[in-house]
């Protein structure tokens, strides 16, 4: 799990005084109590967090369930803009990013994430229906760690996820 500045500050504060209330932490950091509570809840979940970005519910929901059975913490987004927001707020360990998305396509999302120092190290796998060699090459060239053509075999995708995580997680 990657931590942002506020997460680190919360951890440091709680290490010094585990009895601090959400209200005190919120006041010191200029956050709302709800934000502090959400951050602490997220920090206490040590499972690997995967963001699935896909606008097709018939792909997203079965994949989410299958990964949750493997004990991953799965979050979701259904368009490119929501994906960028979720990455900023939830800081996933890996992203499964479809290419054909509303609002902002997967290539653009990947490019923005890889250009931002705060998110450039998050591994990205692109499971998508775009199977042309040129699409695969473009995805890899802009920073994707792997590319899987739909329909994909679920066991193969899970193996690729685990392989990418082994390479990228300290």
N, C-alpha and C. Protein backbone atom coordinates (compact mmCIF):
# COMPACT_ATOMS: atom_id res chain seq x y z
N UNK A 1 0.85 -1.17 0.00
CA UNK A 1 0.00 0.00 0.00
C UNK A 1 0.89 1.24 0.00
N UNK A 2 0.63 2.16 -0.91
CA UNK A 2 1.38 3.40 -0.98
C UNK A 2 0.69 4.46 -0.13
N UNK A 3 1.47 5.26 0.57
CA UNK A 3 0.94 6.28 1.46
C UNK A 3 1.21 7.66 0.91
N UNK A 4 0.22 8.56 1.02
CA UNK A 4 0.47 9.95 0.65
C UNK A 4 0.91 10.71 1.91
N UNK A 5 1.16 12.00 1.77
CA UNK A 5 1.67 12.81 2.88
C UNK A 5 0.75 12.79 4.09
N UNK A 6 -0.56 12.96 3.88
CA UNK A 6 -1.49 12.95 5.01
C UNK A 6 -1.54 11.58 5.69
N UNK A 7 -1.45 10.51 4.90
CA UNK A 7 -1.43 9.17 5.49
C UNK A 7 -0.22 9.03 6.40
N UNK A 8 0.94 9.48 5.92
CA UNK A 8 2.16 9.37 6.72
C UNK A 8 2.04 10.17 8.01
N UNK A 9 1.46 11.36 7.91
CA UNK A 9 1.29 12.20 9.10
C UNK A 9 0.36 11.54 10.11
N UNK A 10 -0.71 10.94 9.61
CA UNK A 10 -1.65 10.23 10.50
C UNK A 10 -0.93 9.09 11.21
N UNK A 11 -0.17 8.31 10.46
CA UNK A 11 0.57 7.18 11.05
C UNK A 11 1.53 7.70 12.11
N UNK A 12 2.28 8.76 11.79
CA UNK A 12 3.23 9.33 12.76
C UNK A 12 2.51 9.80 14.02
N UNK A 13 1.38 10.48 13.85
CA UNK A 13 0.63 10.98 15.00
C UNK A 13 0.14 9.83 15.88
N UNK A 14 -0.36 8.78 15.24
CA UNK A 14 -0.88 7.65 16.00
C UNK A 14 0.23 6.83 16.65
N UNK A 15 1.41 6.82 16.03
CA UNK A 15 2.53 6.13 16.66
C UNK A 15 2.96 6.84 17.94
N UNK A 16 2.86 8.16 17.93
CA UNK A 16 3.23 8.94 19.12
C UNK A 16 2.15 8.87 20.20
N UNK A 17 0.88 8.85 19.76
CA UNK A 17 -0.23 8.83 20.72
C UNK A 17 -1.42 8.10 20.10
N UNK A 18 -1.54 6.82 20.41
CA UNK A 18 -2.59 5.98 19.82
C UNK A 18 -3.99 6.35 20.28
N UNK A 19 -4.11 7.24 21.28
CA UNK A 19 -5.42 7.60 21.81
C UNK A 19 -6.02 8.84 21.13
N UNK A 20 -5.31 9.41 20.15
CA UNK A 20 -5.82 10.61 19.48
C UNK A 20 -7.15 10.31 18.80
N UNK A 21 -8.09 11.23 18.94
CA UNK A 21 -9.40 11.07 18.29
C UNK A 21 -9.32 11.53 16.84
N UNK A 22 -10.31 11.10 16.04
CA UNK A 22 -10.40 11.54 14.65
C UNK A 22 -10.47 13.07 14.59
N UNK A 23 -11.20 13.66 15.54
CA UNK A 23 -11.37 15.11 15.56
C UNK A 23 -10.06 15.86 15.76
N UNK A 24 -9.24 15.37 16.67
CA UNK A 24 -7.95 16.01 16.94
C UNK A 24 -7.03 15.88 15.72
N UNK A 25 -6.99 14.69 15.14
CA UNK A 25 -6.15 14.47 13.95
C UNK A 25 -6.64 15.36 12.82
N UNK A 26 -7.96 15.41 12.62
CA UNK A 26 -8.54 16.23 11.55
C UNK A 26 -8.17 17.70 11.73
N UNK A 27 -8.27 18.18 12.94
CA UNK A 27 -7.96 19.58 13.23
C UNK A 27 -6.49 19.90 12.93
N UNK A 28 -5.61 19.01 13.34
CA UNK A 28 -4.17 19.23 13.14
C UNK A 28 -3.78 19.19 11.67
N UNK A 29 -4.49 18.38 10.87
CA UNK A 29 -4.13 18.23 9.46
C UNK A 29 -5.01 19.05 8.51
N UNK A 30 -6.03 19.70 9.05
CA UNK A 30 -6.92 20.48 8.20
C UNK A 30 -7.82 19.61 7.33
N UNK A 31 -8.19 18.45 7.85
CA UNK A 31 -9.08 17.52 7.15
C UNK A 31 -10.40 17.43 7.91
N UNK A 32 -11.40 16.80 7.30
CA UNK A 32 -12.64 16.54 8.03
C UNK A 32 -12.47 15.24 8.83
N UNK A 33 -13.31 15.07 9.84
CA UNK A 33 -13.26 13.83 10.61
C UNK A 33 -13.55 12.63 9.73
N UNK A 34 -14.48 12.80 8.77
CA UNK A 34 -14.81 11.71 7.85
C UNK A 34 -13.61 11.30 7.00
N UNK A 35 -12.83 12.28 6.55
CA UNK A 35 -11.63 11.97 5.77
C UNK A 35 -10.62 11.20 6.61
N UNK A 36 -10.44 11.63 7.84
CA UNK A 36 -9.50 10.95 8.74
C UNK A 36 -9.97 9.53 9.00
N UNK A 37 -11.26 9.37 9.29
CA UNK A 37 -11.80 8.02 9.54
C UNK A 37 -11.60 7.12 8.33
N UNK A 38 -11.87 7.64 7.12
CA UNK A 38 -11.68 6.86 5.90
C UNK A 38 -10.23 6.47 5.68
N UNK A 39 -9.33 7.42 5.93
CA UNK A 39 -7.90 7.14 5.76
C UNK A 39 -7.42 6.08 6.75
N UNK A 40 -7.85 6.18 7.99
CA UNK A 40 -7.44 5.20 9.00
C UNK A 40 -8.00 3.83 8.66
N UNK A 41 -9.24 3.79 8.19
CA UNK A 41 -9.84 2.52 7.79
C UNK A 41 -9.05 1.90 6.64
N UNK A 42 -8.70 2.74 5.67
CA UNK A 42 -7.94 2.26 4.51
C UNK A 42 -6.55 1.77 4.93
N UNK A 43 -5.92 2.49 5.85
CA UNK A 43 -4.60 2.11 6.31
C UNK A 43 -4.60 0.80 7.08
N UNK A 44 -5.71 0.48 7.72
CA UNK A 44 -5.76 -0.74 8.50
C UNK A 44 -6.04 -1.98 7.64
N UNK A 45 -6.39 -1.77 6.37
CA UNK A 45 -6.60 -2.89 5.45
C UNK A 45 -5.29 -3.11 4.70
N UNK A 46 -4.57 -4.16 5.05
CA UNK A 46 -3.23 -4.38 4.50
C UNK A 46 -3.24 -5.22 3.22
N UNK A 47 -4.41 -5.59 2.74
CA UNK A 47 -4.47 -6.37 1.50
C UNK A 47 -3.99 -5.53 0.32
N UNK A 48 -3.51 -6.19 -0.72
CA UNK A 48 -3.12 -5.52 -1.95
C UNK A 48 -4.38 -4.92 -2.58
N UNK A 49 -4.29 -3.63 -2.93
CA UNK A 49 -5.45 -2.93 -3.48
C UNK A 49 -5.34 -2.85 -5.00
N UNK A 50 -6.39 -3.30 -5.68
CA UNK A 50 -6.44 -3.27 -7.14
C UNK A 50 -7.62 -2.40 -7.58
N UNK A 51 -7.33 -1.46 -8.46
CA UNK A 51 -8.36 -0.63 -9.07
C UNK A 51 -8.70 -1.22 -10.43
N UNK A 52 -9.98 -1.59 -10.61
CA UNK A 52 -10.46 -2.05 -11.92
C UNK A 52 -11.18 -0.88 -12.58
N UNK A 53 -10.75 -0.53 -13.79
CA UNK A 53 -11.37 0.56 -14.53
C UNK A 53 -11.98 -0.04 -15.79
N UNK A 54 -13.31 -0.15 -15.80
CA UNK A 54 -14.02 -0.73 -16.94
C UNK A 54 -15.46 -0.26 -16.89
N UNK A 55 -15.99 0.17 -18.03
CA UNK A 55 -17.37 0.65 -18.08
C UNK A 55 -18.36 -0.46 -18.37
N UNK A 56 -17.88 -1.67 -18.63
CA UNK A 56 -18.76 -2.81 -18.90
C UNK A 56 -18.95 -3.61 -17.61
N UNK A 57 -20.16 -3.51 -17.04
CA UNK A 57 -20.42 -4.20 -15.77
C UNK A 57 -20.30 -5.71 -15.89
N UNK A 58 -20.57 -6.27 -17.09
CA UNK A 58 -20.46 -7.72 -17.24
C UNK A 58 -19.01 -8.19 -17.22
N UNK A 59 -18.07 -7.28 -17.37
CA UNK A 59 -16.65 -7.60 -17.19
C UNK A 59 -16.21 -7.24 -15.77
N UNK A 60 -16.60 -6.07 -15.33
CA UNK A 60 -16.14 -5.53 -14.05
C UNK A 60 -16.58 -6.37 -12.86
N UNK A 61 -17.85 -6.70 -12.78
CA UNK A 61 -18.36 -7.40 -11.59
C UNK A 61 -17.80 -8.80 -11.39
N UNK A 62 -17.77 -9.66 -12.43
CA UNK A 62 -17.17 -10.99 -12.21
C UNK A 62 -15.68 -10.92 -11.88
N UNK A 63 -14.98 -9.98 -12.52
CA UNK A 63 -13.56 -9.82 -12.24
C UNK A 63 -13.34 -9.35 -10.81
N UNK A 64 -14.17 -8.41 -10.37
CA UNK A 64 -14.08 -7.92 -8.99
C UNK A 64 -14.29 -9.06 -8.00
N UNK A 65 -15.32 -9.86 -8.21
CA UNK A 65 -15.60 -10.98 -7.31
C UNK A 65 -14.45 -11.99 -7.29
N UNK A 66 -13.93 -12.31 -8.47
CA UNK A 66 -12.84 -13.28 -8.56
C UNK A 66 -11.60 -12.80 -7.82
N UNK A 67 -11.30 -11.52 -7.91
CA UNK A 67 -10.12 -10.98 -7.22
C UNK A 67 -10.35 -10.86 -5.72
N UNK A 68 -11.58 -10.57 -5.32
CA UNK A 68 -11.89 -10.52 -3.89
C UNK A 68 -11.77 -11.91 -3.26
N UNK A 69 -12.13 -12.94 -4.00
CA UNK A 69 -11.98 -14.31 -3.51
C UNK A 69 -10.50 -14.62 -3.28
N UNK A 70 -9.62 -14.01 -4.09
CA UNK A 70 -8.16 -14.17 -3.94
C UNK A 70 -7.62 -13.28 -2.82
N UNK A 71 -8.50 -12.59 -2.10
CA UNK A 71 -8.17 -11.73 -0.96
C UNK A 71 -7.52 -10.40 -1.35
N UNK A 72 -7.84 -9.90 -2.55
CA UNK A 72 -7.43 -8.56 -2.93
C UNK A 72 -8.49 -7.57 -2.47
N UNK A 73 -8.09 -6.37 -2.14
CA UNK A 73 -9.01 -5.28 -1.84
C UNK A 73 -9.29 -4.61 -3.19
N UNK A 74 -10.50 -4.75 -3.70
CA UNK A 74 -10.81 -4.29 -5.06
C UNK A 74 -11.69 -3.04 -5.00
N UNK A 75 -11.26 -2.01 -5.73
CA UNK A 75 -12.05 -0.81 -5.91
C UNK A 75 -12.31 -0.67 -7.41
N UNK A 76 -13.24 0.18 -7.76
CA UNK A 76 -13.62 0.25 -9.18
C UNK A 76 -13.88 1.67 -9.63
N UNK A 77 -13.77 1.85 -10.94
CA UNK A 77 -14.13 3.10 -11.62
C UNK A 77 -14.69 2.71 -12.97
N UNK A 78 -15.63 3.53 -13.47
CA UNK A 78 -16.29 3.18 -14.72
C UNK A 78 -15.98 4.14 -15.86
N UNK A 79 -15.13 5.14 -15.63
CA UNK A 79 -14.67 6.00 -16.72
C UNK A 79 -13.29 6.55 -16.37
N UNK A 80 -12.65 7.18 -17.34
CA UNK A 80 -11.29 7.65 -17.14
C UNK A 80 -11.13 8.72 -16.09
N UNK A 81 -12.06 9.64 -16.01
CA UNK A 81 -11.99 10.71 -15.01
C UNK A 81 -12.12 10.12 -13.60
N UNK A 82 -13.11 9.24 -13.42
CA UNK A 82 -13.29 8.59 -12.12
C UNK A 82 -12.04 7.78 -11.75
N UNK A 83 -11.40 7.17 -12.74
CA UNK A 83 -10.18 6.40 -12.47
C UNK A 83 -9.10 7.28 -11.87
N UNK A 84 -8.88 8.45 -12.47
CA UNK A 84 -7.86 9.37 -11.95
C UNK A 84 -8.21 9.83 -10.54
N UNK A 85 -9.49 10.08 -10.29
CA UNK A 85 -9.92 10.48 -8.95
C UNK A 85 -9.67 9.37 -7.93
N UNK A 86 -10.02 8.13 -8.32
CA UNK A 86 -9.85 7.00 -7.40
C UNK A 86 -8.37 6.75 -7.10
N UNK A 87 -7.51 6.91 -8.11
CA UNK A 87 -6.08 6.73 -7.89
C UNK A 87 -5.59 7.76 -6.88
N UNK A 88 -6.08 9.00 -7.00
CA UNK A 88 -5.68 10.05 -6.07
C UNK A 88 -6.16 9.82 -4.65
N UNK A 89 -7.36 9.29 -4.51
CA UNK A 89 -7.92 9.12 -3.17
C UNK A 89 -7.63 7.77 -2.54
N UNK A 90 -7.50 6.72 -3.35
CA UNK A 90 -7.35 5.37 -2.80
C UNK A 90 -5.98 4.75 -2.97
N UNK A 91 -5.14 5.32 -3.80
CA UNK A 91 -3.76 4.89 -4.01
C UNK A 91 -3.65 3.36 -4.16
N UNK A 92 -4.07 2.83 -5.31
CA UNK A 92 -4.02 1.38 -5.51
C UNK A 92 -2.60 0.87 -5.69
N UNK A 93 -2.43 -0.43 -5.47
CA UNK A 93 -1.14 -1.09 -5.69
C UNK A 93 -0.98 -1.53 -7.13
N UNK A 94 -2.11 -1.68 -7.86
CA UNK A 94 -2.12 -2.10 -9.25
C UNK A 94 -3.42 -1.63 -9.88
N UNK A 95 -3.37 -1.34 -11.19
CA UNK A 95 -4.57 -0.89 -11.91
C UNK A 95 -4.81 -1.80 -13.10
N UNK A 96 -6.05 -2.28 -13.23
CA UNK A 96 -6.51 -2.98 -14.43
C UNK A 96 -7.30 -1.96 -15.23
N UNK A 97 -6.77 -1.52 -16.36
CA UNK A 97 -7.28 -0.37 -17.08
C UNK A 97 -7.73 -0.72 -18.49
N UNK A 98 -9.04 -0.68 -18.71
CA UNK A 98 -9.59 -0.89 -20.05
C UNK A 98 -9.21 0.30 -20.92
N UNK A 99 -9.17 0.10 -22.23
CA UNK A 99 -8.83 1.20 -23.14
C UNK A 99 -10.05 2.01 -23.56
N UNK A 100 -11.13 1.33 -23.86
CA UNK A 100 -12.31 2.01 -24.38
C UNK A 100 -13.21 2.43 -23.23
N UNK A 101 -13.01 3.67 -22.78
CA UNK A 101 -13.73 4.22 -21.63
C UNK A 101 -14.39 5.54 -22.00
N UNK A 102 -15.51 5.86 -21.35
CA UNK A 102 -16.08 7.19 -21.55
C UNK A 102 -15.24 8.26 -20.86
N UNK A 103 -15.38 9.48 -21.31
CA UNK A 103 -14.77 10.69 -20.76
C UNK A 103 -13.28 10.82 -21.03
N UNK A 104 -12.52 9.78 -20.79
CA UNK A 104 -11.08 9.79 -21.00
C UNK A 104 -10.66 8.35 -21.25
N UNK A 105 -10.05 8.06 -22.42
CA UNK A 105 -9.76 6.66 -22.73
C UNK A 105 -8.56 6.14 -21.93
N UNK A 106 -8.37 4.85 -21.95
CA UNK A 106 -7.33 4.20 -21.16
C UNK A 106 -5.92 4.65 -21.50
N UNK A 107 -5.65 4.92 -22.79
CA UNK A 107 -4.33 5.42 -23.16
C UNK A 107 -4.05 6.75 -22.46
N UNK A 108 -5.04 7.64 -22.47
CA UNK A 108 -4.86 8.96 -21.84
C UNK A 108 -4.69 8.83 -20.33
N UNK A 109 -5.48 7.95 -19.71
CA UNK A 109 -5.37 7.75 -18.26
C UNK A 109 -3.97 7.21 -17.93
N UNK A 110 -3.53 6.21 -18.66
CA UNK A 110 -2.21 5.61 -18.42
C UNK A 110 -1.12 6.67 -18.58
N UNK A 111 -1.21 7.44 -19.63
CA UNK A 111 -0.20 8.47 -19.90
C UNK A 111 -0.14 9.50 -18.76
N UNK A 112 -1.31 9.95 -18.29
CA UNK A 112 -1.34 10.92 -17.18
C UNK A 112 -0.74 10.33 -15.90
N UNK A 113 -1.10 9.08 -15.62
CA UNK A 113 -0.58 8.44 -14.41
C UNK A 113 0.93 8.26 -14.47
N UNK A 114 1.44 7.88 -15.62
CA UNK A 114 2.88 7.64 -15.77
C UNK A 114 3.68 8.93 -15.81
N UNK A 115 3.05 10.05 -16.17
CA UNK A 115 3.74 11.34 -16.20
C UNK A 115 3.76 12.02 -14.83
N UNK A 116 2.92 11.56 -13.91
CA UNK A 116 2.83 12.14 -12.58
C UNK A 116 3.74 11.36 -11.64
N UNK A 117 4.69 12.04 -11.02
CA UNK A 117 5.65 11.38 -10.15
C UNK A 117 4.98 10.60 -9.01
N UNK A 118 3.85 11.11 -8.53
CA UNK A 118 3.16 10.47 -7.41
C UNK A 118 2.52 9.14 -7.80
N UNK A 119 2.22 8.95 -9.09
CA UNK A 119 1.52 7.73 -9.52
C UNK A 119 2.30 6.93 -10.56
N UNK A 120 3.45 7.39 -10.96
CA UNK A 120 4.18 6.75 -12.06
C UNK A 120 4.64 5.33 -11.76
N UNK A 121 4.77 4.98 -10.50
CA UNK A 121 5.25 3.63 -10.17
C UNK A 121 4.12 2.61 -10.00
N UNK A 122 2.87 3.05 -10.08
CA UNK A 122 1.75 2.10 -9.94
C UNK A 122 1.69 1.25 -11.21
N UNK A 123 1.81 -0.08 -11.09
CA UNK A 123 1.75 -0.92 -12.27
C UNK A 123 0.35 -0.93 -12.90
N UNK A 124 0.33 -1.00 -14.23
CA UNK A 124 -0.92 -0.99 -14.98
C UNK A 124 -0.95 -2.18 -15.93
N UNK A 125 -2.05 -2.94 -15.86
CA UNK A 125 -2.32 -4.01 -16.83
C UNK A 125 -3.54 -3.56 -17.62
N UNK A 126 -3.47 -3.68 -18.92
CA UNK A 126 -4.58 -3.26 -19.78
C UNK A 126 -5.33 -4.48 -20.32
N UNK A 127 -6.45 -4.86 -19.67
CA UNK A 127 -7.32 -5.90 -20.24
C UNK A 127 -8.33 -5.22 -21.16
N UNK A 128 -8.28 -5.48 -22.45
CA UNK A 128 -9.12 -4.74 -23.37
C UNK A 128 -9.48 -5.56 -24.60
N UNK A 129 -10.54 -5.14 -25.26
CA UNK A 129 -10.99 -5.81 -26.48
C UNK A 129 -10.17 -5.38 -27.70
N UNK A 130 -9.38 -4.32 -27.56
CA UNK A 130 -8.55 -3.84 -28.67
C UNK A 130 -7.32 -4.72 -28.78
N UNK A 131 -7.37 -5.66 -29.72
CA UNK A 131 -6.31 -6.66 -29.82
C UNK A 131 -5.32 -6.44 -30.94
N UNK A 132 -5.39 -5.30 -31.61
CA UNK A 132 -4.45 -5.04 -32.69
C UNK A 132 -3.04 -4.86 -32.12
N UNK A 133 -2.05 -5.31 -32.86
CA UNK A 133 -0.67 -5.18 -32.42
C UNK A 133 -0.32 -3.72 -32.14
N UNK A 134 -0.81 -2.81 -32.97
CA UNK A 134 -0.50 -1.38 -32.77
C UNK A 134 -1.05 -0.88 -31.43
N UNK A 135 -2.22 -1.36 -31.01
CA UNK A 135 -2.77 -0.97 -29.71
C UNK A 135 -1.92 -1.52 -28.58
N UNK A 136 -1.49 -2.77 -28.70
CA UNK A 136 -0.65 -3.38 -27.68
C UNK A 136 0.67 -2.62 -27.55
N UNK A 137 1.28 -2.32 -28.67
CA UNK A 137 2.56 -1.60 -28.66
C UNK A 137 2.38 -0.22 -28.04
N UNK A 138 1.32 0.50 -28.42
CA UNK A 138 1.09 1.82 -27.86
C UNK A 138 0.90 1.75 -26.34
N UNK A 139 0.12 0.78 -25.88
CA UNK A 139 -0.11 0.63 -24.44
C UNK A 139 1.18 0.39 -23.68
N UNK A 140 2.01 -0.49 -24.19
CA UNK A 140 3.29 -0.79 -23.53
C UNK A 140 4.21 0.42 -23.59
N UNK A 141 4.23 1.11 -24.73
CA UNK A 141 5.12 2.26 -24.89
C UNK A 141 4.76 3.43 -23.98
N UNK A 142 3.47 3.60 -23.67
CA UNK A 142 3.11 4.72 -22.79
C UNK A 142 3.20 4.35 -21.31
N UNK A 143 3.57 3.09 -21.03
CA UNK A 143 3.85 2.75 -19.64
C UNK A 143 3.11 1.57 -19.04
N UNK A 144 2.22 0.93 -19.79
CA UNK A 144 1.53 -0.24 -19.23
C UNK A 144 2.55 -1.37 -18.99
N UNK A 145 2.33 -2.12 -17.93
CA UNK A 145 3.23 -3.21 -17.59
C UNK A 145 2.86 -4.51 -18.28
N UNK A 146 1.60 -4.62 -18.70
CA UNK A 146 1.14 -5.81 -19.40
C UNK A 146 -0.14 -5.46 -20.16
N UNK A 147 -0.51 -6.29 -21.10
CA UNK A 147 -1.65 -6.05 -21.97
C UNK A 147 -2.33 -7.39 -22.21
N UNK A 148 -3.62 -7.50 -21.91
CA UNK A 148 -4.36 -8.75 -22.05
C UNK A 148 -5.59 -8.50 -22.92
N UNK A 149 -5.76 -9.31 -23.95
CA UNK A 149 -6.88 -9.13 -24.86
C UNK A 149 -8.12 -9.85 -24.35
N UNK A 150 -9.28 -9.13 -24.37
CA UNK A 150 -10.58 -9.72 -24.01
C UNK A 150 -11.08 -10.53 -25.19
N UNK A 151 -11.83 -11.57 -24.97
CA UNK A 151 -12.11 -12.16 -23.66
C UNK A 151 -10.84 -12.85 -23.13
N UNK A 152 -10.57 -12.66 -21.87
CA UNK A 152 -9.36 -13.23 -21.29
C UNK A 152 -9.72 -14.40 -20.39
N UNK A 153 -8.75 -15.27 -20.19
CA UNK A 153 -8.90 -16.37 -19.26
C UNK A 153 -8.62 -15.82 -17.86
N UNK A 154 -9.55 -15.98 -16.95
CA UNK A 154 -9.43 -15.41 -15.61
C UNK A 154 -8.20 -15.92 -14.86
N UNK A 155 -7.89 -17.21 -14.99
CA UNK A 155 -6.70 -17.75 -14.32
C UNK A 155 -5.42 -17.12 -14.87
N UNK A 156 -5.38 -16.90 -16.20
CA UNK A 156 -4.21 -16.26 -16.79
C UNK A 156 -4.07 -14.82 -16.30
N UNK A 157 -5.19 -14.09 -16.24
CA UNK A 157 -5.13 -12.70 -15.77
C UNK A 157 -4.66 -12.64 -14.31
N UNK A 158 -5.17 -13.54 -13.47
CA UNK A 158 -4.74 -13.56 -12.07
C UNK A 158 -3.25 -13.87 -11.97
N UNK A 159 -2.76 -14.77 -12.81
CA UNK A 159 -1.33 -15.09 -12.81
C UNK A 159 -0.51 -13.88 -13.26
N UNK A 160 -1.00 -13.15 -14.25
CA UNK A 160 -0.29 -11.95 -14.72
C UNK A 160 -0.27 -10.87 -13.63
N UNK A 161 -1.40 -10.72 -12.92
CA UNK A 161 -1.47 -9.75 -11.82
C UNK A 161 -0.42 -10.09 -10.76
N UNK A 162 -0.38 -11.35 -10.38
CA UNK A 162 0.58 -11.77 -9.34
C UNK A 162 2.02 -11.60 -9.82
N UNK A 163 2.27 -11.86 -11.10
CA UNK A 163 3.62 -11.69 -11.64
C UNK A 163 4.04 -10.22 -11.64
N UNK A 164 3.15 -9.34 -12.05
CA UNK A 164 3.46 -7.91 -12.06
C UNK A 164 3.68 -7.42 -10.63
N UNK A 165 2.85 -7.86 -9.70
CA UNK A 165 3.03 -7.46 -8.31
C UNK A 165 4.36 -7.96 -7.73
N UNK A 166 4.77 -9.16 -8.10
CA UNK A 166 6.05 -9.69 -7.63
C UNK A 166 7.20 -8.81 -8.13
N UNK A 167 7.09 -8.33 -9.36
CA UNK A 167 8.15 -7.51 -9.95
C UNK A 167 8.18 -6.08 -9.39
N UNK A 168 7.02 -5.59 -8.95
CA UNK A 168 6.92 -4.16 -8.62
C UNK A 168 6.74 -3.87 -7.14
N UNK A 169 6.43 -4.87 -6.33
CA UNK A 169 6.19 -4.63 -4.91
C UNK A 169 7.44 -4.99 -4.13
N UNK A 170 7.93 -4.04 -3.33
CA UNK A 170 9.15 -4.31 -2.55
C UNK A 170 8.92 -5.34 -1.47
